[in-house]
PDB file of N, CA and C in Angstrom:
ATOM      1  N   UNK A   1      -1.065  21.077 -32.676  1.00  0.00           N
ATOM      2  CA  UNK A   1      -0.755  19.737 -32.264  1.00  0.00           C
ATOM      3  C   UNK A   1      -1.589  19.398 -31.037  1.00  0.00           C
ATOM      4  N   UNK A   2      -2.378  18.347 -31.105  1.00  0.00           N
ATOM      5  CA  UNK A   2      -3.223  17.974 -29.981  1.00  0.00           C
ATOM      6  C   UNK A   2      -2.475  17.018 -29.060  1.00  0.00           C
ATOM      7  N   UNK A   3      -2.811  17.106 -27.784  1.00  0.00           N
ATOM      8  CA  UNK A   3      -2.164  16.228 -26.806  1.00  0.00           C
ATOM      9  C   UNK A   3      -2.863  14.886 -26.801  1.00  0.00           C
ATOM     10  N   UNK A   4      -2.094  13.841 -26.707  1.00  0.00           N
ATOM     11  CA  UNK A   4      -2.719  12.529 -26.629  1.00  0.00           C
ATOM     12  C   UNK A   4      -3.123  12.267 -25.178  1.00  0.00           C
ATOM     13  N   UNK A   5      -4.118  11.447 -24.965  1.00  0.00           N
ATOM     14  CA  UNK A   5      -4.572  11.202 -23.592  1.00  0.00           C
ATOM     15  C   UNK A   5      -3.515  10.473 -22.769  1.00  0.00           C
ATOM     16  N   UNK A   6      -3.575  10.687 -21.483  1.00  0.00           N
ATOM     17  CA  UNK A   6      -2.624  10.062 -20.567  1.00  0.00           C
ATOM     18  C   UNK A   6      -2.819   8.550 -20.591  1.00  0.00           C
ATOM     19  N   UNK A   7      -1.712   7.839 -20.638  1.00  0.00           N
ATOM     20  CA  UNK A   7      -1.778   6.383 -20.695  1.00  0.00           C
ATOM     21  C   UNK A   7      -1.327   5.786 -19.368  1.00  0.00           C
ATOM     22  N   UNK A   8      -1.982   4.727 -18.965  1.00  0.00           N
ATOM     23  CA  UNK A   8      -1.590   3.980 -17.774  1.00  0.00           C
ATOM     24  C   UNK A   8      -1.051   2.635 -18.245  1.00  0.00           C
ATOM     25  N   UNK A   9       0.190   2.370 -17.916  1.00  0.00           N
ATOM     26  CA  UNK A   9       0.830   1.134 -18.348  1.00  0.00           C
ATOM     27  C   UNK A   9       0.729   0.083 -17.246  1.00  0.00           C
ATOM     28  N   UNK A  10       0.564  -1.144 -17.661  1.00  0.00           N
ATOM     29  CA  UNK A  10       0.494  -2.262 -16.721  1.00  0.00           C
ATOM     30  C   UNK A  10       1.865  -2.506 -16.102  1.00  0.00           C
ATOM     31  N   UNK A  11       1.883  -3.021 -14.874  1.00  0.00           N
ATOM     32  CA  UNK A  11       3.167  -3.310 -14.225  1.00  0.00           C
ATOM     33  C   UNK A  11       4.041  -4.277 -15.038  1.00  0.00           C
ATOM     34  N   UNK A  12       3.436  -5.244 -15.700  1.00  0.00           N
ATOM     35  CA  UNK A  12       4.214  -6.188 -16.506  1.00  0.00           C
ATOM     36  C   UNK A  12       4.907  -5.470 -17.665  1.00  0.00           C
ATOM     37  N   UNK A  13       4.214  -4.520 -18.276  1.00  0.00           N
ATOM     38  CA  UNK A  13       4.809  -3.748 -19.371  1.00  0.00           C
ATOM     39  C   UNK A  13       5.978  -2.916 -18.846  1.00  0.00           C
ATOM     40  N   UNK A  14       5.782  -2.276 -17.693  1.00  0.00           N
ATOM     41  CA  UNK A  14       6.840  -1.459 -17.106  1.00  0.00           C
ATOM     42  C   UNK A  14       8.074  -2.310 -16.822  1.00  0.00           C
ATOM     43  N   UNK A  15       7.854  -3.502 -16.279  1.00  0.00           N
ATOM     44  CA  UNK A  15       8.981  -4.385 -15.965  1.00  0.00           C
ATOM     45  C   UNK A  15       9.705  -4.807 -17.233  1.00  0.00           C
ATOM     46  N   UNK A  16       8.953  -5.122 -18.285  1.00  0.00           N
ATOM     47  CA  UNK A  16       9.569  -5.551 -19.542  1.00  0.00           C
ATOM     48  C   UNK A  16      10.413  -4.427 -20.134  1.00  0.00           C
ATOM     49  N   UNK A  17       9.902  -3.210 -20.107  1.00  0.00           N
ATOM     50  CA  UNK A  17      10.649  -2.066 -20.649  1.00  0.00           C
ATOM     51  C   UNK A  17      11.890  -1.794 -19.805  1.00  0.00           C
ATOM     52  N   UNK A  18      11.744  -1.854 -18.472  1.00  0.00           N
ATOM     53  CA  UNK A  18      12.887  -1.589 -17.597  1.00  0.00           C
ATOM     54  C   UNK A  18      13.968  -2.647 -17.775  1.00  0.00           C
ATOM     55  N   UNK A  19      13.570  -3.913 -17.925  1.00  0.00           N
ATOM     56  CA  UNK A  19      14.555  -4.967 -18.157  1.00  0.00           C
ATOM     57  C   UNK A  19      15.267  -4.783 -19.493  1.00  0.00           C
ATOM     58  N   UNK A  20      14.514  -4.387 -20.508  1.00  0.00           N
ATOM     59  CA  UNK A  20      15.133  -4.137 -21.806  1.00  0.00           C
ATOM     60  C   UNK A  20      16.116  -2.971 -21.706  1.00  0.00           C
ATOM     61  N   UNK A  21      15.773  -1.969 -20.912  1.00  0.00           N
ATOM     62  CA  UNK A  21      16.667  -0.824 -20.735  1.00  0.00           C
ATOM     63  C   UNK A  21      17.938  -1.243 -20.004  1.00  0.00           C
ATOM     64  N   UNK A  22      17.809  -2.155 -19.056  1.00  0.00           N
ATOM     65  CA  UNK A  22      19.001  -2.636 -18.347  1.00  0.00           C
ATOM     66  C   UNK A  22      19.927  -3.404 -19.276  1.00  0.00           C
ATOM     67  N   UNK A  23      19.352  -4.151 -20.191  1.00  0.00           N
ATOM     68  CA  UNK A  23      20.169  -4.901 -21.146  1.00  0.00           C
ATOM     69  C   UNK A  23      20.897  -3.956 -22.094  1.00  0.00           C
ATOM     70  N   UNK A  24      20.242  -2.827 -22.435  1.00  0.00           N
ATOM     71  CA  UNK A  24      20.867  -1.825 -23.287  1.00  0.00           C
ATOM     72  C   UNK A  24      20.974  -2.222 -24.745  1.00  0.00           C
ATOM     73  N   UNK A  25      20.028  -3.009 -25.242  1.00  0.00           N
ATOM     74  CA  UNK A  25      20.097  -3.505 -26.610  1.00  0.00           C
ATOM     75  C   UNK A  25      19.662  -2.491 -27.671  1.00  0.00           C
ATOM     76  N   UNK A  26      18.537  -1.795 -27.434  1.00  0.00           N
ATOM     77  CA  UNK A  26      17.936  -0.999 -28.496  1.00  0.00           C
ATOM     78  C   UNK A  26      17.558   0.392 -27.983  1.00  0.00           C
ATOM     79  N   UNK A  27      17.002   1.180 -28.873  1.00  0.00           N
ATOM     80  CA  UNK A  27      16.447   2.471 -28.474  1.00  0.00           C
ATOM     81  C   UNK A  27      15.018   2.205 -28.009  1.00  0.00           C
ATOM     82  N   UNK A  28      14.767   2.432 -26.744  1.00  0.00           N
ATOM     83  CA  UNK A  28      13.521   2.002 -26.137  1.00  0.00           C
ATOM     84  C   UNK A  28      12.381   2.977 -26.337  1.00  0.00           C
ATOM     85  N   UNK A  29      12.689   4.235 -26.392  1.00  0.00           N
ATOM     86  CA  UNK A  29      11.628   5.216 -26.548  1.00  0.00           C
ATOM     87  C   UNK A  29      10.875   4.994 -27.848  1.00  0.00           C
ATOM     88  N   UNK A  30      11.580   4.653 -28.895  1.00  0.00           N
ATOM     89  CA  UNK A  30      10.929   4.408 -30.184  1.00  0.00           C
ATOM     90  C   UNK A  30      10.264   3.035 -30.208  1.00  0.00           C
ATOM     91  N   UNK A  31      10.928   2.043 -29.650  1.00  0.00           N
ATOM     92  CA  UNK A  31      10.395   0.683 -29.700  1.00  0.00           C
ATOM     93  C   UNK A  31       9.097   0.549 -28.906  1.00  0.00           C
ATOM     94  N   UNK A  32       9.047   1.130 -27.706  1.00  0.00           N
ATOM     95  CA  UNK A  32       7.892   0.966 -26.830  1.00  0.00           C
ATOM     96  C   UNK A  32       6.955   2.167 -26.846  1.00  0.00           C
ATOM     97  N   UNK A  33       7.289   3.205 -27.579  1.00  0.00           N
ATOM     98  CA  UNK A  33       6.493   4.427 -27.652  1.00  0.00           C
ATOM     99  C   UNK A  33       6.274   5.021 -26.260  1.00  0.00           C
ATOM    100  N   UNK A  34       7.361   5.114 -25.501  1.00  0.00           N
ATOM    101  CA  UNK A  34       7.355   5.688 -24.160  1.00  0.00           C
ATOM    102  C   UNK A  34       8.508   6.673 -24.088  1.00  0.00           C
ATOM    103  N   UNK A  35       8.307   7.783 -23.394  1.00  0.00           N
ATOM    104  CA  UNK A  35       9.331   8.806 -23.285  1.00  0.00           C
ATOM    105  C   UNK A  35      10.551   8.260 -22.555  1.00  0.00           C
ATOM    106  N   UNK A  36      11.724   8.702 -22.952  1.00  0.00           N
ATOM    107  CA  UNK A  36      12.988   8.198 -22.402  1.00  0.00           C
ATOM    108  C   UNK A  36      13.106   8.450 -20.897  1.00  0.00           C
ATOM    109  N   UNK A  37      12.623   9.593 -20.419  1.00  0.00           N
ATOM    110  CA  UNK A  37      12.714   9.870 -18.978  1.00  0.00           C
ATOM    111  C   UNK A  37      11.818   8.919 -18.182  1.00  0.00           C
ATOM    112  N   UNK A  38      10.693   8.526 -18.769  1.00  0.00           N
ATOM    113  CA  UNK A  38       9.815   7.565 -18.097  1.00  0.00           C
ATOM    114  C   UNK A  38      10.499   6.204 -17.989  1.00  0.00           C
ATOM    115  N   UNK A  39      11.187   5.816 -19.041  1.00  0.00           N
ATOM    116  CA  UNK A  39      11.921   4.547 -19.027  1.00  0.00           C
ATOM    117  C   UNK A  39      13.011   4.585 -17.966  1.00  0.00           C
ATOM    118  N   UNK A  40      13.683   5.709 -17.824  1.00  0.00           N
ATOM    119  CA  UNK A  40      14.723   5.855 -16.811  1.00  0.00           C
ATOM    120  C   UNK A  40      14.131   5.704 -15.409  1.00  0.00           C
ATOM    121  N   UNK A  41      12.958   6.300 -15.184  1.00  0.00           N
ATOM    122  CA  UNK A  41      12.298   6.178 -13.885  1.00  0.00           C
ATOM    123  C   UNK A  41      11.951   4.727 -13.584  1.00  0.00           C
ATOM    124  N   UNK A  42      11.394   4.029 -14.552  1.00  0.00           N
ATOM    125  CA  UNK A  42      11.018   2.623 -14.351  1.00  0.00           C
ATOM    126  C   UNK A  42      12.250   1.770 -14.074  1.00  0.00           C
ATOM    127  N   UNK A  43      13.342   2.074 -14.759  1.00  0.00           N
ATOM    128  CA  UNK A  43      14.585   1.324 -14.566  1.00  0.00           C
ATOM    129  C   UNK A  43      15.099   1.524 -13.138  1.00  0.00           C
ATOM    130  N   UNK A  44      15.041   2.753 -12.640  1.00  0.00           N
ATOM    131  CA  UNK A  44      15.482   3.042 -11.282  1.00  0.00           C
ATOM    132  C   UNK A  44      14.590   2.342 -10.259  1.00  0.00           C
ATOM    133  N   UNK A  45      13.279   2.343 -10.507  1.00  0.00           N
ATOM    134  CA  UNK A  45      12.358   1.657  -9.601  1.00  0.00           C
ATOM    135  C   UNK A  45      12.638   0.157  -9.580  1.00  0.00           C
ATOM    136  N   UNK A  46      12.927  -0.399 -10.737  1.00  0.00           N
ATOM    137  CA  UNK A  46      13.242  -1.826 -10.812  1.00  0.00           C
ATOM    138  C   UNK A  46      14.491  -2.141 -10.002  1.00  0.00           C
ATOM    139  N   UNK A  47      15.514  -1.321 -10.140  1.00  0.00           N
ATOM    140  CA  UNK A  47      16.751  -1.558  -9.404  1.00  0.00           C
ATOM    141  C   UNK A  47      16.562  -1.387  -7.899  1.00  0.00           C
ATOM    142  N   UNK A  48      15.720  -0.423  -7.484  1.00  0.00           N
ATOM    143  CA  UNK A  48      15.474  -0.191  -6.060  1.00  0.00           C
ATOM    144  C   UNK A  48      14.723  -1.345  -5.411  1.00  0.00           C
ATOM    145  N   UNK A  49      13.792  -1.946  -6.156  1.00  0.00           N
ATOM    146  CA  UNK A  49      12.910  -2.955  -5.576  1.00  0.00           C
ATOM    147  C   UNK A  49      13.245  -4.375  -6.011  1.00  0.00           C
ATOM    148  N   UNK A  50      14.367  -4.574  -6.636  1.00  0.00           N
ATOM    149  CA  UNK A  50      14.740  -5.908  -7.103  1.00  0.00           C
ATOM    150  C   UNK A  50      14.982  -6.864  -5.942  1.00  0.00           C
ATOM    151  N   UNK A  51      15.523  -6.391  -4.842  1.00  0.00           N
ATOM    152  CA  UNK A  51      15.798  -7.262  -3.697  1.00  0.00           C
ATOM    153  C   UNK A  51      14.516  -7.839  -3.122  1.00  0.00           C
ATOM    154  N   UNK A  52      13.430  -7.081  -3.139  1.00  0.00           N
ATOM    155  CA  UNK A  52      12.154  -7.564  -2.624  1.00  0.00           C
ATOM    156  C   UNK A  52      11.638  -8.736  -3.447  1.00  0.00           C
ATOM    157  N   UNK A  53      11.958  -8.752  -4.725  1.00  0.00           N
ATOM    158  CA  UNK A  53      11.517  -9.830  -5.594  1.00  0.00           C
ATOM    159  C   UNK A  53      12.125 -11.155  -5.180  1.00  0.00           C
ATOM    160  N   UNK A  54      13.347 -11.126  -4.698  1.00  0.00           N
ATOM    161  CA  UNK A  54      14.052 -12.342  -4.334  1.00  0.00           C
ATOM    162  C   UNK A  54      14.026 -12.608  -2.834  1.00  0.00           C
ATOM    163  N   UNK A  55      13.001 -12.142  -2.163  1.00  0.00           N
ATOM    164  CA  UNK A  55      12.821 -12.470  -0.757  1.00  0.00           C
ATOM    165  C   UNK A  55      13.466 -11.523   0.217  1.00  0.00           C
ATOM    166  N   UNK A  56      13.879 -10.368  -0.235  1.00  0.00           N
ATOM    167  CA  UNK A  56      14.441  -9.383   0.674  1.00  0.00           C
ATOM    168  C   UNK A  56      13.332  -8.801   1.536  1.00  0.00           C
ATOM    169  N   UNK A  57      13.698  -8.110   2.599  1.00  0.00           N
ATOM    170  CA  UNK A  57      12.657  -7.545   3.466  1.00  0.00           C
ATOM    171  C   UNK A  57      11.893  -6.442   2.738  1.00  0.00           C
ATOM    172  N   UNK A  58      10.577  -6.523   2.715  1.00  0.00           N
ATOM    173  CA  UNK A  58       9.794  -5.485   2.044  1.00  0.00           C
ATOM    174  C   UNK A  58       9.905  -4.163   2.805  1.00  0.00           C
ATOM    175  N   UNK A  59       9.910  -3.084   2.068  1.00  0.00           N
ATOM    176  CA  UNK A  59      10.087  -1.768   2.668  1.00  0.00           C
ATOM    177  C   UNK A  59       8.876  -1.279   3.426  1.00  0.00           C
ATOM    178  N   UNK A  60       7.685  -1.703   3.033  1.00  0.00           N
ATOM    179  CA  UNK A  60       6.480  -1.185   3.665  1.00  0.00           C
ATOM    180  C   UNK A  60       5.714  -2.280   4.399  1.00  0.00           C
ATOM    181  N   UNK A  61       6.421  -3.208   5.022  1.00  0.00           N
ATOM    182  CA  UNK A  61       5.767  -4.286   5.758  1.00  0.00           C
ATOM    183  C   UNK A  61       5.161  -3.734   7.041  1.00  0.00           C
ATOM    184  N   UNK A  62       4.041  -4.292   7.416  1.00  0.00           N
ATOM    185  CA  UNK A  62       3.374  -3.859   8.637  1.00  0.00           C
ATOM    186  C   UNK A  62       4.163  -4.373   9.842  1.00  0.00           C
ATOM    187  N   UNK A  63       4.274  -3.569  10.893  1.00  0.00           N
ATOM    188  CA  UNK A  63       4.984  -4.022  12.080  1.00  0.00           C
ATOM    189  C   UNK A  63       4.203  -5.160  12.746  1.00  0.00           C
ATOM    190  N   UNK A  64       4.883  -6.015  13.491  1.00  0.00           N
ATOM    191  CA  UNK A  64       4.183  -7.117  14.145  1.00  0.00           C
ATOM    192  C   UNK A  64       3.162  -6.590  15.158  1.00  0.00           C
ATOM    193  N   UNK A  65       2.063  -7.304  15.277  1.00  0.00           N
ATOM    194  CA  UNK A  65       0.966  -6.879  16.148  1.00  0.00           C
ATOM    195  C   UNK A  65       1.110  -7.559  17.501  1.00  0.00           C
ATOM    196  N   UNK A  66       0.970  -6.787  18.571  1.00  0.00           N
ATOM    197  CA  UNK A  66       1.018  -7.324  19.927  1.00  0.00           C
ATOM    198  C   UNK A  66      -0.397  -7.711  20.335  1.00  0.00           C
ATOM    199  N   UNK A  67      -0.718  -9.009  20.212  1.00  0.00           N
ATOM    200  CA  UNK A  67      -2.074  -9.469  20.479  1.00  0.00           C
ATOM    201  C   UNK A  67      -2.455  -9.333  21.950  1.00  0.00           C
ATOM    202  N   UNK A  68      -1.515  -9.525  22.849  1.00  0.00           N
ATOM    203  CA  UNK A  68      -1.840  -9.399  24.273  1.00  0.00           C
ATOM    204  C   UNK A  68      -2.275  -7.980  24.611  1.00  0.00           C
ATOM    205  N   UNK A  69      -1.587  -7.009  24.059  1.00  0.00           N
ATOM    206  CA  UNK A  69      -1.953  -5.612  24.324  1.00  0.00           C
ATOM    207  C   UNK A  69      -3.324  -5.301  23.737  1.00  0.00           C
ATOM    208  N   UNK A  70      -3.610  -5.838  22.554  1.00  0.00           N
ATOM    209  CA  UNK A  70      -4.914  -5.600  21.948  1.00  0.00           C
ATOM    210  C   UNK A  70      -6.038  -6.257  22.746  1.00  0.00           C
ATOM    211  N   UNK A  71      -5.806  -7.476  23.222  1.00  0.00           N
ATOM    212  CA  UNK A  71      -6.822  -8.146  24.039  1.00  0.00           C
ATOM    213  C   UNK A  71      -7.037  -7.401  25.353  1.00  0.00           C
ATOM    214  N   UNK A  72      -5.972  -6.883  25.934  1.00  0.00           N
ATOM    215  CA  UNK A  72      -6.099  -6.109  27.165  1.00  0.00           C
ATOM    216  C   UNK A  72      -6.916  -4.842  26.928  1.00  0.00           C
ATOM    217  N   UNK A  73      -6.687  -4.203  25.804  1.00  0.00           N
ATOM    218  CA  UNK A  73      -7.431  -2.979  25.481  1.00  0.00           C
ATOM    219  C   UNK A  73      -8.905  -3.296  25.248  1.00  0.00           C
ATOM    220  N   UNK A  74      -9.186  -4.405  24.581  1.00  0.00           N
ATOM    221  CA  UNK A  74     -10.578  -4.813  24.358  1.00  0.00           C
ATOM    222  C   UNK A  74     -11.269  -5.056  25.692  1.00  0.00           C
ATOM    223  N   UNK A  75     -10.582  -5.742  26.608  1.00  0.00           N
ATOM    224  CA  UNK A  75     -11.163  -5.989  27.932  1.00  0.00           C
ATOM    225  C   UNK A  75     -11.423  -4.689  28.681  1.00  0.00           C
ATOM    226  N   UNK A  76     -10.480  -3.774  28.604  1.00  0.00           N
ATOM    227  CA  UNK A  76     -10.625  -2.481  29.274  1.00  0.00           C
ATOM    228  C   UNK A  76     -11.822  -1.711  28.722  1.00  0.00           C
ATOM    229  N   UNK A  77     -11.946  -1.670  27.412  1.00  0.00           N
ATOM    230  CA  UNK A  77     -13.060  -0.944  26.792  1.00  0.00           C
ATOM    231  C   UNK A  77     -14.399  -1.621  27.083  1.00  0.00           C
ATOM    232  N   UNK A  78     -14.412  -2.943  27.163  1.00  0.00           N
ATOM    233  CA  UNK A  78     -15.643  -3.656  27.504  1.00  0.00           C
ATOM    234  C   UNK A  78     -16.084  -3.313  28.919  1.00  0.00           C
ATOM    235  N   UNK A  79     -15.133  -3.265  29.861  1.00  0.00           N
ATOM    236  CA  UNK A  79     -15.464  -2.884  31.235  1.00  0.00           C
ATOM    237  C   UNK A  79     -16.015  -1.459  31.288  1.00  0.00           C
ATOM    238  N   UNK A  80     -15.402  -0.548  30.558  1.00  0.00           N
ATOM    239  CA  UNK A  80     -15.883   0.836  30.540  1.00  0.00           C
ATOM    240  C   UNK A  80     -17.291   0.917  29.971  1.00  0.00           C
ATOM    241  N   UNK A  81     -17.539   0.194  28.889  1.00  0.00           N
ATOM    242  CA  UNK A  81     -18.876   0.202  28.288  1.00  0.00           C
ATOM    243  C   UNK A  81     -19.917  -0.361  29.248  1.00  0.00           C
ATOM    244  N   UNK A  82     -19.577  -1.459  29.929  1.00  0.00           N
ATOM    245  CA  UNK A  82     -20.512  -2.049  30.892  1.00  0.00           C
ATOM    246  C   UNK A  82     -20.789  -1.087  32.038  1.00  0.00           C
ATOM    247  N   UNK A  83     -19.731  -0.448  32.544  1.00  0.00           N
ATOM    248  CA  UNK A  83     -19.902   0.499  33.636  1.00  0.00           C
ATOM    249  C   UNK A  83     -20.787   1.674  33.215  1.00  0.00           C
ATOM    250  N   UNK A  84     -20.482   2.237  32.062  1.00  0.00           N
ATOM    251  CA  UNK A  84     -21.257   3.392  31.596  1.00  0.00           C
ATOM    252  C   UNK A  84     -22.689   2.996  31.260  1.00  0.00           C
ATOM    253  N   UNK A  85     -22.873   1.813  30.732  1.00  0.00           N
ATOM    254  CA  UNK A  85     -24.219   1.336  30.430  1.00  0.00           C
ATOM    255  C   UNK A  85     -25.036   1.224  31.714  1.00  0.00           C
ATOM    256  N   UNK A  86     -24.425   0.666  32.777  1.00  0.00           N
ATOM    257  CA  UNK A  86     -25.122   0.555  34.063  1.00  0.00           C
ATOM    258  C   UNK A  86     -25.423   1.913  34.659  1.00  0.00           C
ATOM    259  N   UNK A  87     -24.461   2.830  34.571  1.00  0.00           N
ATOM    260  CA  UNK A  87     -24.665   4.163  35.137  1.00  0.00           C
ATOM    261  C   UNK A  87     -25.765   4.915  34.390  1.00  0.00           C
ATOM    262  N   UNK A  88     -25.811   4.779  33.078  1.00  0.00           N
ATOM    263  CA  UNK A  88     -26.843   5.474  32.303  1.00  0.00           C
ATOM    264  C   UNK A  88     -28.229   4.864  32.539  1.00  0.00           C
ATOM    265  N   UNK A  89     -28.276   3.544  32.689  1.00  0.00           N
ATOM    266  CA  UNK A  89     -29.581   2.921  32.938  1.00  0.00           C
ATOM    267  C   UNK A  89     -30.097   3.291  34.318  1.00  0.00           C
ATOM    268  N   UNK A  90     -29.222   3.435  35.314  1.00  0.00           N
ATOM    269  CA  UNK A  90     -29.646   3.851  36.660  1.00  0.00           C
ATOM    270  C   UNK A  90     -30.156   5.298  36.630  1.00  0.00           C
ATOM    271  N   UNK A  91     -29.564   6.115  35.750  1.00  0.00           N
ATOM    272  CA  UNK A  91     -29.973   7.515  35.643  1.00  0.00           C
ATOM    273  C   UNK A  91     -31.223   7.654  34.792  1.00  0.00           C
ATOM    274  N   UNK A  92     -31.647   6.554  34.168  1.00  0.00           N
ATOM    275  CA  UNK A  92     -32.850   6.590  33.356  1.00  0.00           C
ATOM    276  C   UNK A  92     -32.623   7.126  31.952  1.00  0.00           C
ATOM    277  N   UNK A  93     -31.393   7.204  31.528  1.00  0.00           N
ATOM    278  CA  UNK A  93     -31.088   7.746  30.201  1.00  0.00           C
ATOM    279  C   UNK A  93     -30.921   6.678  29.139  1.00  0.00           C
ATOM    280  N   UNK A  94     -30.614   5.457  29.548  1.00  0.00           N
ATOM    281  CA  UNK A  94     -30.317   4.406  28.572  1.00  0.00           C
ATOM    282  C   UNK A  94     -31.551   3.567  28.243  1.00  0.00           C
ATOM    283  N   UNK A  95     -32.530   3.505  29.099  1.00  0.00           N
ATOM    284  CA  UNK A  95     -33.679   2.625  28.886  1.00  0.00           C
ATOM    285  C   UNK A  95     -34.471   2.999  27.635  1.00  0.00           C
ATOM    286  N   UNK A  96     -34.508   4.253  27.270  1.00  0.00           N
ATOM    287  CA  UNK A  96     -35.245   4.692  26.083  1.00  0.00           C
ATOM    288  C   UNK A  96     -34.522   4.283  24.793  1.00  0.00           C
ATOM    289  N   UNK A  97     -33.240   4.079  24.854  1.00  0.00           N
ATOM    290  CA  UNK A  97     -32.451   3.744  23.671  1.00  0.00           C
ATOM    291  C   UNK A  97     -32.539   2.265  23.307  1.00  0.00           C
ATOM    292  N   UNK A  98     -32.761   1.387  24.221  1.00  0.00           N
ATOM    293  CA  UNK A  98     -32.766  -0.056  23.943  1.00  0.00           C
ATOM    294  C   UNK A  98     -34.094  -0.551  23.609  1.00  0.00           C
TER     295      UNK A  98
END
């Protein structure tokens, strides 16, 4: 018996199968040609992330960015670069690079 190649299912297909599994109408493994444990996993994922669909807080949202702190850091690094650039040019090490 040869193994069939691994299949990648589209998110829309996964959602359709998981919704059908939630309804509990038919035997899904035969209808969709997907293993029953895979359908169970998709159903659990659908239930876990259903709140995000309706405007719930996303689980992996990026934290808010503090722009003032970032601007302060940019200013600090610019001052350091200017200082080091002046010090290297006085030492005669930077003139060959520019």
